[in-house]
N, C-alpha and C. Protein backbone atom coordinates (compact mmCIF):
# COMPACT_ATOMS: atom_id res chain seq x y z
N UNK A 1 -15.54 3.94 5.81
CA UNK A 1 -15.05 2.82 5.04
C UNK A 1 -15.79 2.74 3.71
N UNK A 2 -17.02 3.20 3.70
CA UNK A 2 -17.80 3.11 2.48
C UNK A 2 -17.16 3.91 1.35
N UNK A 3 -16.64 5.09 1.68
CA UNK A 3 -16.00 5.92 0.66
C UNK A 3 -14.75 5.24 0.13
N UNK A 4 -13.90 4.75 1.02
CA UNK A 4 -12.66 4.09 0.57
C UNK A 4 -12.99 2.86 -0.24
N UNK A 5 -14.00 2.11 0.20
CA UNK A 5 -14.42 0.93 -0.57
C UNK A 5 -14.91 1.31 -1.95
N UNK A 6 -15.68 2.38 -2.01
CA UNK A 6 -16.18 2.86 -3.28
C UNK A 6 -15.04 3.31 -4.18
N UNK A 7 -14.06 4.00 -3.58
CA UNK A 7 -12.91 4.47 -4.36
C UNK A 7 -12.11 3.29 -4.91
N UNK A 8 -11.91 2.28 -4.06
CA UNK A 8 -11.15 1.11 -4.49
C UNK A 8 -11.88 0.37 -5.60
N UNK A 9 -13.16 0.11 -5.38
CA UNK A 9 -13.95 -0.61 -6.39
C UNK A 9 -14.00 0.19 -7.68
N UNK A 10 -14.21 1.50 -7.56
CA UNK A 10 -14.25 2.35 -8.75
C UNK A 10 -12.95 2.34 -9.51
N UNK A 11 -11.84 2.45 -8.79
CA UNK A 11 -10.53 2.45 -9.44
C UNK A 11 -10.27 1.11 -10.12
N UNK A 12 -10.60 0.03 -9.43
CA UNK A 12 -10.37 -1.29 -10.02
C UNK A 12 -11.29 -1.53 -11.21
N UNK A 13 -12.55 -1.12 -11.10
CA UNK A 13 -13.48 -1.29 -12.22
C UNK A 13 -13.02 -0.48 -13.42
N UNK A 14 -12.59 0.74 -13.17
CA UNK A 14 -12.10 1.59 -14.25
C UNK A 14 -10.89 0.96 -14.93
N UNK A 15 -10.02 0.35 -14.14
CA UNK A 15 -8.80 -0.20 -14.70
C UNK A 15 -9.06 -1.42 -15.59
N UNK A 16 -10.09 -2.19 -15.27
CA UNK A 16 -10.36 -3.37 -16.08
C UNK A 16 -11.40 -3.10 -17.16
N UNK A 17 -12.05 -1.95 -17.12
CA UNK A 17 -13.09 -1.65 -18.10
C UNK A 17 -12.51 -1.44 -19.49
N UNK A 18 -11.35 -0.85 -19.54
CA UNK A 18 -10.71 -0.59 -20.83
C UNK A 18 -9.84 -1.76 -21.23
N UNK A 19 -8.58 -1.54 -21.20
CA UNK A 19 -7.61 -2.56 -21.59
C UNK A 19 -7.24 -3.39 -20.37
N UNK A 20 -7.23 -4.71 -20.52
CA UNK A 20 -6.85 -5.58 -19.41
C UNK A 20 -5.41 -5.30 -19.01
N UNK A 21 -5.18 -5.31 -17.74
CA UNK A 21 -3.85 -5.06 -17.18
C UNK A 21 -3.31 -3.70 -17.60
N UNK A 22 -4.18 -2.71 -17.68
CA UNK A 22 -3.77 -1.37 -18.08
C UNK A 22 -2.81 -0.75 -17.07
N UNK A 23 -3.00 -1.08 -15.80
CA UNK A 23 -2.12 -0.55 -14.77
C UNK A 23 -1.37 -1.70 -14.12
N UNK A 24 -0.20 -1.42 -13.66
CA UNK A 24 0.59 -2.42 -12.96
C UNK A 24 0.04 -2.63 -11.55
N UNK A 25 0.38 -3.75 -10.97
CA UNK A 25 -0.06 -4.04 -9.61
C UNK A 25 0.37 -2.94 -8.65
N UNK A 26 1.56 -2.43 -8.82
CA UNK A 26 2.05 -1.38 -7.93
C UNK A 26 1.18 -0.13 -8.03
N UNK A 27 0.67 0.15 -9.21
CA UNK A 27 -0.22 1.30 -9.37
C UNK A 27 -1.50 1.11 -8.57
N UNK A 28 -2.05 -0.08 -8.60
CA UNK A 28 -3.25 -0.37 -7.82
C UNK A 28 -2.98 -0.20 -6.33
N UNK A 29 -1.83 -0.65 -5.91
CA UNK A 29 -1.45 -0.52 -4.50
C UNK A 29 -1.34 0.95 -4.11
N UNK A 30 -0.71 1.74 -4.96
CA UNK A 30 -0.51 3.16 -4.68
C UNK A 30 -1.84 3.93 -4.65
N UNK A 31 -2.78 3.55 -5.49
CA UNK A 31 -4.09 4.21 -5.49
C UNK A 31 -4.72 4.10 -4.11
N UNK A 32 -4.68 2.92 -3.53
CA UNK A 32 -5.28 2.73 -2.22
C UNK A 32 -4.52 3.51 -1.15
N UNK A 33 -3.20 3.44 -1.17
CA UNK A 33 -2.41 4.18 -0.18
C UNK A 33 -2.66 5.68 -0.30
N UNK A 34 -2.74 6.17 -1.53
CA UNK A 34 -3.02 7.59 -1.74
C UNK A 34 -4.42 7.97 -1.27
N UNK A 35 -5.39 7.08 -1.49
CA UNK A 35 -6.76 7.36 -1.04
C UNK A 35 -6.83 7.45 0.48
N UNK A 36 -6.18 6.54 1.17
CA UNK A 36 -6.18 6.58 2.63
C UNK A 36 -5.45 7.83 3.12
N UNK A 37 -4.34 8.16 2.49
CA UNK A 37 -3.61 9.37 2.88
C UNK A 37 -4.45 10.62 2.65
N UNK A 38 -5.18 10.65 1.54
CA UNK A 38 -6.07 11.77 1.27
C UNK A 38 -7.11 11.89 2.38
N UNK A 39 -7.70 10.77 2.76
CA UNK A 39 -8.69 10.78 3.83
C UNK A 39 -8.07 11.29 5.13
N UNK A 40 -6.86 10.84 5.41
CA UNK A 40 -6.15 11.25 6.62
C UNK A 40 -5.90 12.76 6.62
N UNK A 41 -5.54 13.29 5.47
CA UNK A 41 -5.25 14.72 5.34
C UNK A 41 -6.50 15.59 5.28
N UNK A 42 -7.65 15.00 5.00
CA UNK A 42 -8.90 15.75 4.85
C UNK A 42 -10.03 15.12 5.65
N UNK A 43 -9.86 15.00 6.96
CA UNK A 43 -10.87 14.31 7.75
C UNK A 43 -12.23 15.01 7.78
N UNK A 44 -12.25 16.31 7.55
CA UNK A 44 -13.51 17.05 7.59
C UNK A 44 -14.38 16.78 6.36
N UNK A 45 -13.78 16.38 5.27
CA UNK A 45 -14.54 16.16 4.03
C UNK A 45 -14.58 14.70 3.61
N UNK A 46 -14.02 13.83 4.43
CA UNK A 46 -14.05 12.39 4.14
C UNK A 46 -14.58 11.66 5.37
N UNK A 47 -14.71 10.39 5.26
CA UNK A 47 -15.16 9.58 6.40
C UNK A 47 -13.96 8.96 7.10
N UNK A 48 -12.93 9.76 7.27
CA UNK A 48 -11.71 9.29 7.91
C UNK A 48 -11.97 8.76 9.32
N UNK A 49 -12.82 9.44 10.08
CA UNK A 49 -13.10 9.00 11.45
C UNK A 49 -13.66 7.58 11.47
N UNK A 50 -14.53 7.26 10.52
CA UNK A 50 -15.08 5.91 10.44
C UNK A 50 -14.00 4.90 10.07
N UNK A 51 -13.12 5.28 9.17
CA UNK A 51 -12.02 4.40 8.77
C UNK A 51 -11.08 4.17 9.94
N UNK A 52 -10.76 5.23 10.67
CA UNK A 52 -9.87 5.13 11.83
C UNK A 52 -10.52 4.27 12.92
N UNK A 53 -11.82 4.42 13.12
CA UNK A 53 -12.53 3.61 14.10
C UNK A 53 -12.51 2.13 13.72
N UNK A 54 -12.64 1.87 12.42
CA UNK A 54 -12.58 0.48 11.94
C UNK A 54 -11.21 -0.11 12.22
N UNK A 55 -10.16 0.66 11.94
CA UNK A 55 -8.80 0.20 12.21
C UNK A 55 -8.62 -0.06 13.70
N UNK A 56 -9.10 0.87 14.51
CA UNK A 56 -8.97 0.73 15.96
C UNK A 56 -9.71 -0.51 16.45
N UNK A 57 -10.88 -0.79 15.90
CA UNK A 57 -11.65 -1.96 16.32
C UNK A 57 -10.92 -3.26 15.97
N UNK A 58 -10.05 -3.20 14.99
CA UNK A 58 -9.24 -4.36 14.60
C UNK A 58 -7.88 -4.36 15.31
N UNK A 59 -7.69 -3.39 16.20
CA UNK A 59 -6.44 -3.25 16.96
C UNK A 59 -5.22 -3.05 16.07
N UNK A 60 -5.41 -2.28 15.00
CA UNK A 60 -4.31 -1.94 14.11
C UNK A 60 -4.33 -0.44 13.86
N UNK A 61 -3.21 0.07 13.40
CA UNK A 61 -3.15 1.49 13.09
C UNK A 61 -3.77 1.75 11.72
N UNK A 62 -4.07 3.00 11.46
CA UNK A 62 -4.62 3.37 10.16
C UNK A 62 -3.61 3.04 9.05
N UNK A 63 -2.34 3.22 9.34
CA UNK A 63 -1.31 2.91 8.34
C UNK A 63 -1.24 1.41 8.06
N UNK A 64 -1.41 0.60 9.10
CA UNK A 64 -1.44 -0.85 8.89
C UNK A 64 -2.66 -1.26 8.07
N UNK A 65 -3.80 -0.64 8.36
CA UNK A 65 -5.00 -0.92 7.59
C UNK A 65 -4.80 -0.52 6.12
N UNK A 66 -4.18 0.62 5.90
CA UNK A 66 -3.91 1.07 4.53
C UNK A 66 -3.05 0.05 3.80
N UNK A 67 -2.05 -0.48 4.47
CA UNK A 67 -1.17 -1.48 3.84
C UNK A 67 -1.94 -2.76 3.50
N UNK A 68 -2.83 -3.17 4.39
CA UNK A 68 -3.64 -4.38 4.14
C UNK A 68 -4.57 -4.17 2.94
N UNK A 69 -5.24 -3.03 2.91
CA UNK A 69 -6.13 -2.73 1.78
C UNK A 69 -5.35 -2.61 0.48
N UNK A 70 -4.18 -1.97 0.56
CA UNK A 70 -3.34 -1.79 -0.63
C UNK A 70 -2.86 -3.14 -1.16
N UNK A 71 -2.48 -4.03 -0.25
CA UNK A 71 -2.03 -5.35 -0.69
C UNK A 71 -3.16 -6.11 -1.36
N UNK A 72 -4.37 -5.93 -0.87
CA UNK A 72 -5.54 -6.58 -1.49
C UNK A 72 -5.74 -6.07 -2.92
N UNK A 73 -5.58 -4.76 -3.11
CA UNK A 73 -5.71 -4.19 -4.46
C UNK A 73 -4.60 -4.70 -5.36
N UNK A 74 -3.43 -4.88 -4.81
CA UNK A 74 -2.28 -5.40 -5.56
C UNK A 74 -2.55 -6.86 -5.96
N UNK A 75 -2.99 -7.65 -5.00
CA UNK A 75 -3.17 -9.08 -5.22
C UNK A 75 -4.29 -9.43 -6.19
N UNK A 76 -5.29 -8.56 -6.34
CA UNK A 76 -6.42 -8.88 -7.20
C UNK A 76 -5.96 -9.12 -8.64
N UNK A 77 -4.85 -8.52 -9.04
CA UNK A 77 -4.33 -8.73 -10.39
C UNK A 77 -3.80 -10.13 -10.62
N UNK A 78 -3.57 -10.87 -9.56
CA UNK A 78 -3.05 -12.23 -9.69
C UNK A 78 -4.13 -13.25 -10.07
N UNK A 79 -5.41 -12.84 -9.96
CA UNK A 79 -6.47 -13.76 -10.31
C UNK A 79 -6.60 -13.85 -11.83
N UNK A 80 -6.80 -15.04 -12.33
CA UNK A 80 -6.84 -15.26 -13.77
C UNK A 80 -8.05 -14.61 -14.44
N UNK A 81 -9.13 -14.41 -13.71
CA UNK A 81 -10.34 -13.89 -14.34
C UNK A 81 -10.50 -12.38 -14.21
N UNK A 82 -9.44 -11.67 -13.85
CA UNK A 82 -9.54 -10.21 -13.75
C UNK A 82 -8.89 -9.54 -14.93
């Protein structure tokens, strides 16, 4: 989860560091979905097992977790101070 969290924070920080609202909300959502898919496709070089275990501990699938994380990345653009 640490890697995915780092990727999300990094992507969001990068997006607001330059021009405000440089990317659309849908782009933020896709970044997260793509990151989780990358982890799923490359479990030997990512911490996919930890992410999958986290999803399992919450009684949800990895795809459901990806959707929840992606929606969070999408929703952050709705805050006035971002």
